[in-house]
Protein backbone atom coordinates (compact mmCIF):
# COMPACT_ATOMS: atom_id res chain seq x y z
CA MET A 1 56.30 104.05 152.69
CA GLU A 2 59.39 103.26 155.58
CA ALA A 3 59.04 99.77 154.84
CA ARG A 4 59.51 100.36 150.88
CA LEU A 5 56.34 98.45 150.38
CA ILE A 6 54.68 101.89 148.51
CA GLU A 7 55.93 105.04 146.95
CA GLU A 8 54.54 108.15 145.85
CA THR A 9 53.42 108.60 142.24
CA ASN A 10 53.41 111.48 139.36
CA GLU A 11 50.36 109.55 137.89
CA ARG A 12 47.32 111.16 138.14
CA PRO A 13 43.48 110.54 137.25
CA ASP A 14 41.41 112.86 134.90
CA PRO A 15 41.68 116.28 136.50
CA GLU A 16 38.05 116.23 136.60
CA LEU A 17 38.40 113.58 139.19
CA ASP A 18 42.02 115.06 140.59
CA ASP A 19 42.50 116.58 143.78
CA GLU A 20 45.42 118.17 144.02
CA ARG A 21 45.79 118.01 148.05
CA ARG A 22 45.98 114.23 147.36
CA ARG A 23 48.93 111.93 147.06
CA TYR A 24 48.82 108.82 144.93
CA CYS A 25 51.16 106.00 145.86
CA GLY A 26 51.63 102.03 144.03
CA LEU A 27 53.30 99.18 145.07
CA THR A 28 57.13 99.37 144.36
CA ALA A 29 58.55 95.70 142.96
CA PHE A 30 59.65 94.62 146.98
CA GLY A 31 55.86 95.49 147.84
CA TRP A 32 54.99 93.11 144.84
CA GLN A 33 56.92 90.60 146.02
CA VAL A 34 55.71 90.99 149.99
CA LEU A 35 52.01 90.49 148.71
CA THR A 36 52.40 87.34 146.41
CA ALA A 37 54.15 85.52 149.24
CA ALA A 38 51.30 86.79 151.56
CA ALA A 39 48.79 85.46 149.11
CA ALA A 40 50.44 82.30 148.86
CA ARG A 41 50.76 81.98 152.32
CA LYS A 42 46.92 82.42 152.55
CA GLU A 43 45.59 80.01 150.08
CA LYS A 44 47.68 76.95 151.86
């Protein structure tokens, strides 16, 4: 989170599978860029 690669999201799974104590995160636009660049370097 400090590097702005991920951020907390309000999206939650099915209530039967959810645990209200959990925090859910997803990649930011910058996080996707970093991931894509890392994958491209790995392919070489």
